[in-house]
Amino acid sequence: MNEPNGNAAQSRIIAEQVAESAITLFAARHPELFKSKAPEVHPLVKWVVGAVAALGLAAMIGGGTWLVSSVSEMQVTLARMDERMASGSVRDSRVDDLERRVAAIEMRVEQ
């Protein structure tokens, strides 16, 4: 009973050795099939791409900073404009009152 199991194990070992030898021989005869599909990238190209990526990142960070500071400055400017407009309505009534008084004085002087 143990004999068929022993023969099967030996047959399996022999088959694995034959398959491994066949694969090794095939790979030795056809090296072009096992070459890397990705082309080799020149180191200078890698450095240039890295530098461009770093500059792009710096530009994005700078642009974001500029955008945030611009929006903050716009908020301050709008707040100042609102204050001026609110106080400007008082000035307008004063100016209108002064213009009316000057016109009245001019009318008296002309008569």
PDB file of N, CA and C in Angstrom:
ATOM      1  N   MET A   1       0.806  -1.188   0.000  1.00  0.00           N
ATOM      2  CA  MET A   1       0.000   0.000   0.000  1.00  0.00           C
ATOM      3  C   MET A   1       0.856   1.262   0.000  1.00  0.00           C
ATOM      4  N   ASN A   2       1.930   1.273   0.705  1.00  0.00           N
ATOM      5  CA  ASN A   2       2.805   2.439   0.753  1.00  0.00           C
ATOM      6  C   ASN A   2       3.566   2.623  -0.551  1.00  0.00           C
ATOM      7  N   GLU A   3       3.695   1.542  -1.303  1.00  0.00           N
ATOM      8  CA  GLU A   3       4.464   1.591  -2.532  1.00  0.00           C
ATOM      9  C   GLU A   3       3.883   2.544  -3.580  1.00  0.00           C
ATOM     10  N   PRO A   4       2.553   2.553  -3.838  1.00  0.00           N
ATOM     11  CA  PRO A   4       2.038   3.495  -4.839  1.00  0.00           C
ATOM     12  C   PRO A   4       2.220   4.947  -4.411  1.00  0.00           C
ATOM     13  N   ASN A   5       2.076   5.237  -3.112  1.00  0.00           N
ATOM     14  CA  ASN A   5       2.279   6.611  -2.655  1.00  0.00           C
ATOM     15  C   ASN A   5       3.731   7.034  -2.826  1.00  0.00           C
ATOM     16  N   GLY A   6       4.657   6.162  -2.589  1.00  0.00           N
ATOM     17  CA  GLY A   6       6.073   6.453  -2.759  1.00  0.00           C
ATOM     18  C   GLY A   6       6.401   6.683  -4.220  1.00  0.00           C
ATOM     19  N   ASN A   7       5.826   5.875  -5.112  1.00  0.00           N
ATOM     20  CA  ASN A   7       6.053   6.053  -6.545  1.00  0.00           C
ATOM     21  C   ASN A   7       5.473   7.392  -7.014  1.00  0.00           C
ATOM     22  N   ALA A   8       4.314   7.777  -6.486  1.00  0.00           N
ATOM     23  CA  ALA A   8       3.691   9.043  -6.880  1.00  0.00           C
ATOM     24  C   ALA A   8       4.554  10.215  -6.443  1.00  0.00           C
ATOM     25  N   ALA A   9       5.118  10.131  -5.244  1.00  0.00           N
ATOM     26  CA  ALA A   9       5.961  11.216  -4.747  1.00  0.00           C
ATOM     27  C   ALA A   9       7.234  11.324  -5.580  1.00  0.00           C
ATOM     28  N   GLN A  10       7.827  10.170  -5.915  1.00  0.00           N
ATOM     29  CA  GLN A  10       9.031  10.187  -6.746  1.00  0.00           C
ATOM     30  C   GLN A  10       8.715  10.732  -8.141  1.00  0.00           C
ATOM     31  N   SER A  11       7.585  10.307  -8.695  1.00  0.00           N
ATOM     32  CA  SER A  11       7.191  10.787 -10.022  1.00  0.00           C
ATOM     33  C   SER A  11       6.977  12.299 -10.005  1.00  0.00           C
ATOM     34  N   ARG A  12       6.388  12.796  -8.952  1.00  0.00           N
ATOM     35  CA  ARG A  12       6.154  14.243  -8.840  1.00  0.00           C
ATOM     36  C   ARG A  12       7.480  15.000  -8.782  1.00  0.00           C
ATOM     37  N   ILE A  13       8.421  14.513  -7.996  1.00  0.00           N
ATOM     38  CA  ILE A  13       9.731  15.162  -7.877  1.00  0.00           C
ATOM     39  C   ILE A  13      10.439  15.180  -9.227  1.00  0.00           C
ATOM     40  N   ILE A  14      10.381  14.059  -9.933  1.00  0.00           N
ATOM     41  CA  ILE A  14      11.020  13.974 -11.254  1.00  0.00           C
ATOM     42  C   ILE A  14      10.351  14.944 -12.229  1.00  0.00           C
ATOM     43  N   ALA A  15       9.027  15.011 -12.211  1.00  0.00           N
ATOM     44  CA  ALA A  15       8.291  15.912 -13.109  1.00  0.00           C
ATOM     45  C   ALA A  15       8.642  17.370 -12.812  1.00  0.00           C
ATOM     46  N   GLU A  16       8.760  17.736 -11.550  1.00  0.00           N
ATOM     47  CA  GLU A  16       9.124  19.106 -11.194  1.00  0.00           C
ATOM     48  C   GLU A  16      10.523  19.444 -11.675  1.00  0.00           C
ATOM     49  N   GLN A  17      11.468  18.493 -11.540  1.00  0.00           N
ATOM     50  CA  GLN A  17      12.828  18.729 -12.001  1.00  0.00           C
ATOM     51  C   GLN A  17      12.879  18.897 -13.519  1.00  0.00           C
ATOM     52  N   VAL A  18      12.134  18.076 -14.239  1.00  0.00           N
ATOM     53  CA  VAL A  18      12.091  18.175 -15.704  1.00  0.00           C
ATOM     54  C   VAL A  18      11.481  19.501 -16.126  1.00  0.00           C
ATOM     55  N   ALA A  19      10.395  19.911 -15.469  1.00  0.00           N
ATOM     56  CA  ALA A  19       9.741  21.183 -15.802  1.00  0.00           C
ATOM     57  C   ALA A  19      10.668  22.360 -15.523  1.00  0.00           C
ATOM     58  N   GLU A  20      11.371  22.316 -14.410  1.00  0.00           N
ATOM     59  CA  GLU A  20      12.294  23.398 -14.063  1.00  0.00           C
ATOM     60  C   GLU A  20      13.429  23.479 -15.074  1.00  0.00           C
ATOM     61  N   SER A  21      13.940  22.338 -15.496  1.00  0.00           N
ATOM     62  CA  SER A  21      15.005  22.318 -16.505  1.00  0.00           C
ATOM     63  C   SER A  21      14.499  22.847 -17.833  1.00  0.00           C
ATOM     64  N   ALA A  22      13.281  22.476 -18.210  1.00  0.00           N
ATOM     65  CA  ALA A  22      12.718  22.932 -19.478  1.00  0.00           C
ATOM     66  C   ALA A  22      12.516  24.450 -19.461  1.00  0.00           C
ATOM     67  N   ILE A  23      12.018  24.990 -18.349  1.00  0.00           N
ATOM     68  CA  ILE A  23      11.806  26.435 -18.245  1.00  0.00           C
ATOM     69  C   ILE A  23      13.141  27.171 -18.299  1.00  0.00           C
ATOM     70  N   THR A  24      14.156  26.661 -17.602  1.00  0.00           N
ATOM     71  CA  THR A  24      15.476  27.286 -17.597  1.00  0.00           C
ATOM     72  C   THR A  24      16.080  27.267 -18.990  1.00  0.00           C
ATOM     73  N   LEU A  25      15.972  26.164 -19.698  1.00  0.00           N
ATOM     74  CA  LEU A  25      16.502  26.041 -21.054  1.00  0.00           C
ATOM     75  C   LEU A  25      15.763  26.976 -22.013  1.00  0.00           C
ATOM     76  N   PHE A  26      14.440  27.039 -21.892  1.00  0.00           N
ATOM     77  CA  PHE A  26      13.646  27.926 -22.761  1.00  0.00           C
ATOM     78  C   PHE A  26      14.017  29.398 -22.509  1.00  0.00           C
ATOM     79  N   ALA A  27      14.182  29.781 -21.251  1.00  0.00           N
ATOM     80  CA  ALA A  27      14.548  31.154 -20.919  1.00  0.00           C
ATOM     81  C   ALA A  27      15.950  31.483 -21.440  1.00  0.00           C
ATOM     82  N   ALA A  28      16.864  30.510 -21.419  1.00  0.00           N
ATOM     83  CA  ALA A  28      18.215  30.738 -21.927  1.00  0.00           C
ATOM     84  C   ALA A  28      18.205  30.897 -23.447  1.00  0.00           C
ATOM     85  N   ARG A  29      17.351  30.178 -24.138  1.00  0.00           N
ATOM     86  CA  ARG A  29      17.293  30.248 -25.603  1.00  0.00           C
ATOM     87  C   ARG A  29      16.519  31.478 -26.108  1.00  0.00           C
ATOM     88  N   HIS A  30      15.608  32.004 -25.316  1.00  0.00           N
ATOM     89  CA  HIS A  30      14.769  33.141 -25.732  1.00  0.00           C
ATOM     90  C   HIS A  30      14.804  34.260 -24.681  1.00  0.00           C
ATOM     91  N   PRO A  31      15.933  34.922 -24.547  1.00  0.00           N
ATOM     92  CA  PRO A  31      16.034  35.972 -23.517  1.00  0.00           C
ATOM     93  C   PRO A  31      15.173  37.201 -23.842  1.00  0.00           C
ATOM     94  N   GLU A  32      14.880  37.427 -25.132  1.00  0.00           N
ATOM     95  CA  GLU A  32      14.081  38.599 -25.505  1.00  0.00           C
ATOM     96  C   GLU A  32      12.664  38.542 -24.945  1.00  0.00           C
ATOM     97  N   LEU A  33      12.168  37.361 -24.663  1.00  0.00           N
ATOM     98  CA  LEU A  33      10.821  37.228 -24.114  1.00  0.00           C
ATOM     99  C   LEU A  33      10.765  37.589 -22.631  1.00  0.00           C
ATOM    100  N   PHE A  34      11.896  37.562 -21.977  1.00  0.00           N
ATOM    101  CA  PHE A  34      11.906  37.793 -20.537  1.00  0.00           C
ATOM    102  C   PHE A  34      12.540  39.125 -20.147  1.00  0.00           C
ATOM    103  N   LYS A  35      12.795  39.978 -21.133  1.00  0.00           N
ATOM    104  CA  LYS A  35      13.337  41.300 -20.824  1.00  0.00           C
ATOM    105  C   LYS A  35      12.236  42.174 -20.236  1.00  0.00           C
ATOM    106  N   SER A  36      12.665  43.190 -19.530  1.00  0.00           N
ATOM    107  CA  SER A  36      11.724  44.122 -18.920  1.00  0.00           C
ATOM    108  C   SER A  36      10.985  44.886 -20.011  1.00  0.00           C
ATOM    109  N   LYS A  37       9.685  45.010 -19.878  1.00  0.00           N
ATOM    110  CA  LYS A  37       8.872  45.715 -20.864  1.00  0.00           C
ATOM    111  C   LYS A  37       9.027  47.225 -20.727  1.00  0.00           C
ATOM    112  N   ALA A  38       9.336  47.709 -19.522  1.00  0.00           N
ATOM    113  CA  ALA A  38       9.478  49.147 -19.290  1.00  0.00           C
ATOM    114  C   ALA A  38      10.835  49.611 -19.800  1.00  0.00           C
ATOM    115  N   PRO A  39      10.857  50.673 -20.613  1.00  0.00           N
ATOM    116  CA  PRO A  39      12.148  51.174 -21.101  1.00  0.00           C
ATOM    117  C   PRO A  39      12.912  51.871 -19.972  1.00  0.00           C
ATOM    118  N   GLU A  40      14.194  51.865 -20.087  1.00  0.00           N
ATOM    119  CA  GLU A  40      15.043  52.493 -19.080  1.00  0.00           C
ATOM    120  C   GLU A  40      14.955  54.008 -19.245  1.00  0.00           C
ATOM    121  N   VAL A  41      14.726  54.715 -18.153  1.00  0.00           N
ATOM    122  CA  VAL A  41      14.628  56.172 -18.178  1.00  0.00           C
ATOM    123  C   VAL A  41      15.984  56.755 -17.815  1.00  0.00           C
ATOM    124  N   HIS A  42      16.424  57.697 -18.639  1.00  0.00           N
ATOM    125  CA  HIS A  42      17.728  58.320 -18.421  1.00  0.00           C
ATOM    126  C   HIS A  42      17.696  59.116 -17.114  1.00  0.00           C
ATOM    127  N   PRO A  43      18.754  59.072 -16.330  1.00  0.00           N
ATOM    128  CA  PRO A  43      18.763  59.782 -15.039  1.00  0.00           C
ATOM    129  C   PRO A  43      18.541  61.291 -15.174  1.00  0.00           C
ATOM    130  N   LEU A  44      19.043  61.884 -16.257  1.00  0.00           N
ATOM    131  CA  LEU A  44      18.850  63.320 -16.453  1.00  0.00           C
ATOM    132  C   LEU A  44      17.365  63.650 -16.586  1.00  0.00           C
ATOM    133  N   VAL A  45      16.628  62.789 -17.275  1.00  0.00           N
ATOM    134  CA  VAL A  45      15.191  62.998 -17.429  1.00  0.00           C
ATOM    135  C   VAL A  45      14.510  62.920 -16.066  1.00  0.00           C
ATOM    136  N   LYS A  46      14.947  62.004 -15.243  1.00  0.00           N
ATOM    137  CA  LYS A  46      14.376  61.885 -13.900  1.00  0.00           C
ATOM    138  C   LYS A  46      14.620  63.156 -13.097  1.00  0.00           C
ATOM    139  N   TRP A  47      15.829  63.719 -13.189  1.00  0.00           N
ATOM    140  CA  TRP A  47      16.141  64.955 -12.462  1.00  0.00           C
ATOM    141  C   TRP A  47      15.317  66.125 -12.979  1.00  0.00           C
ATOM    142  N   VAL A  48      15.186  66.209 -14.301  1.00  0.00           N
ATOM    143  CA  VAL A  48      14.408  67.313 -14.888  1.00  0.00           C
ATOM    144  C   VAL A  48      12.952  67.218 -14.459  1.00  0.00           C
ATOM    145  N   VAL A  49      12.394  66.029 -14.512  1.00  0.00           N
ATOM    146  CA  VAL A  49      10.999  65.848 -14.092  1.00  0.00           C
ATOM    147  C   VAL A  49      10.840  66.181 -12.616  1.00  0.00           C
ATOM    148  N   GLY A  50      11.788  65.789 -11.795  1.00  0.00           N
ATOM    149  CA  GLY A  50      11.736  66.118 -10.374  1.00  0.00           C
ATOM    150  C   GLY A  50      11.799  67.618 -10.131  1.00  0.00           C
ATOM    151  N   ALA A  51      12.681  68.305 -10.882  1.00  0.00           N
ATOM    152  CA  ALA A  51      12.800  69.758 -10.727  1.00  0.00           C
ATOM    153  C   ALA A  51      11.518  70.458 -11.164  1.00  0.00           C
ATOM    154  N   VAL A  52      10.952  70.021 -12.279  1.00  0.00           N
ATOM    155  CA  VAL A  52       9.701  70.624 -12.764  1.00  0.00           C
ATOM    156  C   VAL A  52       8.576  70.377 -11.757  1.00  0.00           C
ATOM    157  N   ALA A  53       8.530  69.192 -11.203  1.00  0.00           N
ATOM    158  CA  ALA A  53       7.501  68.888 -10.204  1.00  0.00           C
ATOM    159  C   ALA A  53       7.673  69.758  -8.961  1.00  0.00           C
ATOM    160  N   ALA A  54       8.914  69.961  -8.544  1.00  0.00           N
ATOM    161  CA  ALA A  54       9.165  70.810  -7.369  1.00  0.00           C
ATOM    162  C   ALA A  54       8.768  72.258  -7.655  1.00  0.00           C
ATOM    163  N   LEU A  55       9.105  72.761  -8.837  1.00  0.00           N
ATOM    164  CA  LEU A  55       8.717  74.126  -9.197  1.00  0.00           C
ATOM    165  C   LEU A  55       7.197  74.256  -9.294  1.00  0.00           C
ATOM    166  N   GLY A  56       6.566  73.233  -9.851  1.00  0.00           N
ATOM    167  CA  GLY A  56       5.099  73.260  -9.926  1.00  0.00           C
ATOM    168  C   GLY A  56       4.460  73.275  -8.548  1.00  0.00           C
ATOM    169  N   LEU A  57       4.995  72.487  -7.651  1.00  0.00           N
ATOM    170  CA  LEU A  57       4.478  72.468  -6.284  1.00  0.00           C
ATOM    171  C   LEU A  57       4.683  73.816  -5.606  1.00  0.00           C
ATOM    172  N   ALA A  58       5.858  74.412  -5.803  1.00  0.00           N
ATOM    173  CA  ALA A  58       6.127  75.726  -5.221  1.00  0.00           C
ATOM    174  C   ALA A  58       5.162  76.772  -5.794  1.00  0.00           C
ATOM    175  N   ALA A  59       4.887  76.677  -7.093  1.00  0.00           N
ATOM    176  CA  ALA A  59       3.956  77.621  -7.716  1.00  0.00           C
ATOM    177  C   ALA A  59       2.543  77.438  -7.160  1.00  0.00           C
ATOM    178  N   MET A  60       2.146  76.212  -6.945  1.00  0.00           N
ATOM    179  CA  MET A  60       0.813  75.957  -6.390  1.00  0.00           C
ATOM    180  C   MET A  60       0.711  76.490  -4.961  1.00  0.00           C
ATOM    181  N   ILE A  61       1.733  76.273  -4.170  1.00  0.00           N
ATOM    182  CA  ILE A  61       1.728  76.779  -2.793  1.00  0.00           C
ATOM    183  C   ILE A  61       1.725  78.302  -2.792  1.00  0.00           C
ATOM    184  N   GLY A  62       2.545  78.896  -3.650  1.00  0.00           N
ATOM    185  CA  GLY A  62       2.577  80.353  -3.753  1.00  0.00           C
ATOM    186  C   GLY A  62       1.242  80.914  -4.221  1.00  0.00           C
ATOM    187  N   GLY A  63       0.630  80.256  -5.192  1.00  0.00           N
ATOM    188  CA  GLY A  63      -0.680  80.699  -5.673  1.00  0.00           C
ATOM    189  C   GLY A  63      -1.748  80.604  -4.600  1.00  0.00           C
ATOM    190  N   GLY A  64      -1.710  79.549  -3.829  1.00  0.00           N
ATOM    191  CA  GLY A  64      -2.673  79.409  -2.735  1.00  0.00           C
ATOM    192  C   GLY A  64      -2.480  80.475  -1.674  1.00  0.00           C
ATOM    193  N   THR A  65      -1.217  80.740  -1.346  1.00  0.00           N
ATOM    194  CA  THR A  65      -0.925  81.794  -0.366  1.00  0.00           C
ATOM    195  C   THR A  65      -1.388  83.148  -0.877  1.00  0.00           C
ATOM    196  N   TRP A  66      -1.108  83.439  -2.145  1.00  0.00           N
ATOM    197  CA  TRP A  66      -1.528  84.705  -2.738  1.00  0.00           C
ATOM    198  C   TRP A  66      -3.052  84.830  -2.722  1.00  0.00           C
ATOM    199  N   LEU A  67      -3.743  83.748  -3.049  1.00  0.00           N
ATOM    200  CA  LEU A  67      -5.205  83.772  -3.067  1.00  0.00           C
ATOM    201  C   LEU A  67      -5.767  84.057  -1.675  1.00  0.00           C
ATOM    202  N   VAL A  68      -5.232  83.378  -0.680  1.00  0.00           N
ATOM    203  CA  VAL A  68      -5.718  83.587   0.690  1.00  0.00           C
ATOM    204  C   VAL A  68      -5.446  85.021   1.150  1.00  0.00           C
ATOM    205  N   SER A  69      -4.250  85.518   0.885  1.00  0.00           N
ATOM    206  CA  SER A  69      -3.935  86.887   1.313  1.00  0.00           C
ATOM    207  C   SER A  69      -4.765  87.908   0.536  1.00  0.00           C
ATOM    208  N   SER A  70      -5.024  87.657  -0.732  1.00  0.00           N
ATOM    209  CA  SER A  70      -5.848  88.580  -1.528  1.00  0.00           C
ATOM    210  C   SER A  70      -7.269  88.642  -0.997  1.00  0.00           C
ATOM    211  N   VAL A  71      -7.823  87.501  -0.672  1.00  0.00           N
ATOM    212  CA  VAL A  71      -9.184  87.476  -0.140  1.00  0.00           C
ATOM    213  C   VAL A  71      -9.236  88.195   1.204  1.00  0.00           C
ATOM    214  N   SER A  72      -8.208  88.000   2.017  1.00  0.00           N
ATOM    215  CA  SER A  72      -8.162  88.684   3.313  1.00  0.00           C
ATOM    216  C   SER A  72      -8.082  90.197   3.116  1.00  0.00           C
ATOM    217  N   GLU A  73      -7.240  90.642   2.191  1.00  0.00           N
ATOM    218  CA  GLU A  73      -7.131  92.079   1.916  1.00  0.00           C
ATOM    219  C   GLU A  73      -8.432  92.633   1.348  1.00  0.00           C
ATOM    220  N   MET A  74      -9.116  91.842   0.520  1.00  0.00           N
ATOM    221  CA  MET A  74     -10.402  92.297  -0.030  1.00  0.00           C
ATOM    222  C   MET A  74     -11.429  92.471   1.078  1.00  0.00           C
ATOM    223  N   GLN A  75     -11.412  91.571   2.055  1.00  0.00           N
ATOM    224  CA  GLN A  75     -12.348  91.707   3.168  1.00  0.00           C
ATOM    225  C   GLN A  75     -12.092  93.000   3.927  1.00  0.00           C
ATOM    226  N   VAL A  76     -10.827  93.315   4.176  1.00  0.00           N
ATOM    227  CA  VAL A  76     -10.484  94.546   4.884  1.00  0.00           C
ATOM    228  C   VAL A  76     -10.901  95.753   4.052  1.00  0.00           C
ATOM    229  N   THR A  77     -10.637  95.714   2.753  1.00  0.00           N
ATOM    230  CA  THR A  77     -11.006  96.828   1.874  1.00  0.00           C
ATOM    231  C   THR A  77     -12.507  97.028   1.845  1.00  0.00           C
ATOM    232  N   LEU A  78     -13.251  95.936   1.736  1.00  0.00           N
ATOM    233  CA  LEU A  78     -14.713  96.052   1.724  1.00  0.00           C
ATOM    234  C   LEU A  78     -15.245  96.596   3.038  1.00  0.00           C
ATOM    235  N   ALA A  79     -14.636  96.190   4.144  1.00  0.00           N
ATOM    236  CA  ALA A  79     -15.068  96.718   5.434  1.00  0.00           C
ATOM    237  C   ALA A  79     -14.821  98.218   5.505  1.00  0.00           C
ATOM    238  N   ARG A  80     -13.667  98.660   5.014  1.00  0.00           N
ATOM    239  CA  ARG A  80     -13.371 100.097   5.003  1.00  0.00           C
ATOM    240  C   ARG A  80     -14.334 100.842   4.090  1.00  0.00           C
ATOM    241  N   MET A  81     -14.647 100.256   2.941  1.00  0.00           N
ATOM    242  CA  MET A  81     -15.591 100.901   2.018  1.00  0.00           C
ATOM    243  C   MET A  81     -16.964 101.038   2.661  1.00  0.00           C
ATOM    244  N   ASP A  82     -17.380 100.004   3.372  1.00  0.00           N
ATOM    245  CA  ASP A  82     -18.671 100.070   4.063  1.00  0.00           C
ATOM    246  C   ASP A  82     -18.668 101.187   5.094  1.00  0.00           C
ATOM    247  N   GLU A  83     -17.570 101.306   5.848  1.00  0.00           N
ATOM    248  CA  GLU A  83     -17.482 102.372   6.843  1.00  0.00           C
ATOM    249  C   GLU A  83     -17.527 103.749   6.186  1.00  0.00           C
ATOM    250  N   ARG A  84     -16.811 103.899   5.087  1.00  0.00           N
ATOM    251  CA  ARG A  84     -16.794 105.186   4.391  1.00  0.00           C
ATOM    252  C   ARG A  84     -18.162 105.513   3.808  1.00  0.00           C
ATOM    253  N   MET A  85     -18.808 104.489   3.266  1.00  0.00           N
ATOM    254  CA  MET A  85     -20.133 104.735   2.699  1.00  0.00           C
ATOM    255  C   MET A  85     -21.128 105.112   3.790  1.00  0.00           C
ATOM    256  N   ALA A  86     -21.021 104.460   4.931  1.00  0.00           N
ATOM    257  CA  ALA A  86     -21.922 104.779   6.043  1.00  0.00           C
ATOM    258  C   ALA A  86     -21.676 106.201   6.527  1.00  0.00           C
ATOM    259  N   SER A  87     -20.426 106.588   6.659  1.00  0.00           N
ATOM    260  CA  SER A  87     -20.142 107.946   7.090  1.00  0.00           C
ATOM    261  C   SER A  87     -20.300 108.935   5.932  1.00  0.00           C
ATOM    262  N   GLY A  88     -20.228 108.452   4.706  1.00  0.00           N
ATOM    263  CA  GLY A  88     -20.393 109.306   3.529  1.00  0.00           C
ATOM    264  C   GLY A  88     -21.796 109.823   3.375  1.00  0.00           C
ATOM    265  N   SER A  89     -22.791 109.080   3.816  1.00  0.00           N
ATOM    266  CA  SER A  89     -24.175 109.553   3.717  1.00  0.00           C
ATOM    267  C   SER A  89     -24.377 110.766   4.621  1.00  0.00           C
ATOM    268  N   VAL A  90     -23.687 110.789   5.764  1.00  0.00           N
ATOM    269  CA  VAL A  90     -23.752 111.950   6.659  1.00  0.00           C
ATOM    270  C   VAL A  90     -23.058 113.124   5.991  1.00  0.00           C
ATOM    271  N   ARG A  91     -21.910 112.868   5.379  1.00  0.00           N
ATOM    272  CA  ARG A  91     -21.189 113.933   4.685  1.00  0.00           C
ATOM    273  C   ARG A  91     -22.009 114.499   3.534  1.00  0.00           C
ATOM    274  N   ASP A  92     -22.701 113.655   2.812  1.00  0.00           N
ATOM    275  CA  ASP A  92     -23.494 114.125   1.686  1.00  0.00           C
ATOM    276  C   ASP A  92     -24.579 115.089   2.139  1.00  0.00           C
ATOM    277  N   SER A  93     -25.225 114.768   3.229  1.00  0.00           N
ATOM    278  CA  SER A  93     -26.259 115.688   3.725  1.00  0.00           C
ATOM    279  C   SER A  93     -25.623 116.989   4.189  1.00  0.00           C
ATOM    280  N   ARG A  94     -24.444 116.930   4.768  1.00  0.00           N
ATOM    281  CA  ARG A  94     -23.745 118.151   5.187  1.00  0.00           C
ATOM    282  C   ARG A  94     -23.377 118.987   3.962  1.00  0.00           C
ATOM    283  N   VAL A  95     -22.847 118.311   2.937  1.00  0.00           N
ATOM    284  CA  VAL A  95     -22.462 119.018   1.721  1.00  0.00           C
ATOM    285  C   VAL A  95     -23.690 119.650   1.072  1.00  0.00           C
ATOM    286  N   ASP A  96     -24.776 118.911   1.029  1.00  0.00           N
ATOM    287  CA  ASP A  96     -26.014 119.463   0.455  1.00  0.00           C
ATOM    288  C   ASP A  96     -26.461 120.692   1.252  1.00  0.00           C
ATOM    289  N   ASP A  97     -26.372 120.609   2.572  1.00  0.00           N
ATOM    290  CA  ASP A  97     -26.769 121.736   3.415  1.00  0.00           C
ATOM    291  C   ASP A  97     -25.866 122.943   3.167  1.00  0.00           C
ATOM    292  N   LEU A  98     -24.559 122.693   3.058  1.00  0.00           N
ATOM    293  CA  LEU A  98     -23.622 123.788   2.795  1.00  0.00           C
ATOM    294  C   LEU A  98     -23.853 124.405   1.415  1.00  0.00           C
ATOM    295  N   GLU A  99     -24.093 123.559   0.430  1.00  0.00           N
ATOM    296  CA  GLU A  99     -24.365 124.081  -0.911  1.00  0.00           C
ATOM    297  C   GLU A  99     -25.635 124.939  -0.916  1.00  0.00           C
ATOM    298  N   ARG A 100     -26.642 124.537  -0.176  1.00  0.00           N
ATOM    299  CA  ARG A 100     -27.879 125.307  -0.093  1.00  0.00           C
ATOM    300  C   ARG A 100     -27.623 126.659   0.560  1.00  0.00           C
ATOM    301  N   ARG A 101     -26.814 126.657   1.623  1.00  0.00           N
ATOM    302  CA  ARG A 101     -26.487 127.907   2.311  1.00  0.00           C
ATOM    303  C   ARG A 101     -25.684 128.842   1.416  1.00  0.00           C
ATOM    304  N   VAL A 102     -24.695 128.274   0.695  1.00  0.00           N
ATOM    305  CA  VAL A 102     -23.877 129.091  -0.210  1.00  0.00           C
ATOM    306  C   VAL A 102     -24.750 129.678  -1.315  1.00  0.00           C
ATOM    307  N   ALA A 103     -25.644 128.891  -1.841  1.00  0.00           N
ATOM    308  CA  ALA A 103     -26.536 129.384  -2.890  1.00  0.00           C
ATOM    309  C   ALA A 103     -27.406 130.519  -2.351  1.00  0.00           C
ATOM    310  N   ALA A 104     -27.883 130.365  -1.128  1.00  0.00           N
ATOM    311  CA  ALA A 104     -28.704 131.408  -0.535  1.00  0.00           C
ATOM    312  C   ALA A 104     -27.906 132.694  -0.340  1.00  0.00           C
ATOM    313  N   ILE A 105     -26.665 132.559   0.099  1.00  0.00           N
ATOM    314  CA  ILE A 105     -25.816 133.737   0.302  1.00  0.00           C
ATOM    315  C   ILE A 105     -25.518 134.398  -1.031  1.00  0.00           C
ATOM    316  N   GLU A 106     -25.232 133.602  -2.061  1.00  0.00           N
ATOM    317  CA  GLU A 106     -24.971 134.151  -3.389  1.00  0.00           C
ATOM    318  C   GLU A 106     -26.177 134.905  -3.913  1.00  0.00           C
ATOM    319  N   MET A 107     -27.370 134.419  -3.641  1.00  0.00           N
ATOM    320  CA  MET A 107     -28.593 135.084  -4.093  1.00  0.00           C
ATOM    321  C   MET A 107     -28.707 136.448  -3.400  1.00  0.00           C
ATOM    322  N   ARG A 108     -28.375 136.504  -2.125  1.00  0.00           N
ATOM    323  CA  ARG A 108     -28.454 137.765  -1.371  1.00  0.00           C
ATOM    324  C   ARG A 108     -27.422 138.768  -1.900  1.00  0.00           C
ATOM    325  N   VAL A 109     -26.236 138.254  -2.220  1.00  0.00           N
ATOM    326  CA  VAL A 109     -25.168 139.141  -2.689  1.00  0.00           C
ATOM    327  C   VAL A 109     -25.538 139.708  -4.052  1.00  0.00           C
ATOM    328  N   GLU A 110     -26.154 138.933  -4.888  1.00  0.00           N
ATOM    329  CA  GLU A 110     -26.523 139.387  -6.227  1.00  0.00           C
ATOM    330  C   GLU A 110     -27.612 140.444  -6.166  1.00  0.00           C
ATOM    331  N   GLN A 111     -28.418 140.439  -5.198  1.00  0.00           N
ATOM    332  CA  GLN A 111     -29.536 141.408  -5.111  1.00  0.00           C
ATOM    333  C   GLN A 111     -29.067 142.674  -4.581  1.00  0.00           C
TER     334      GLN A 111
END
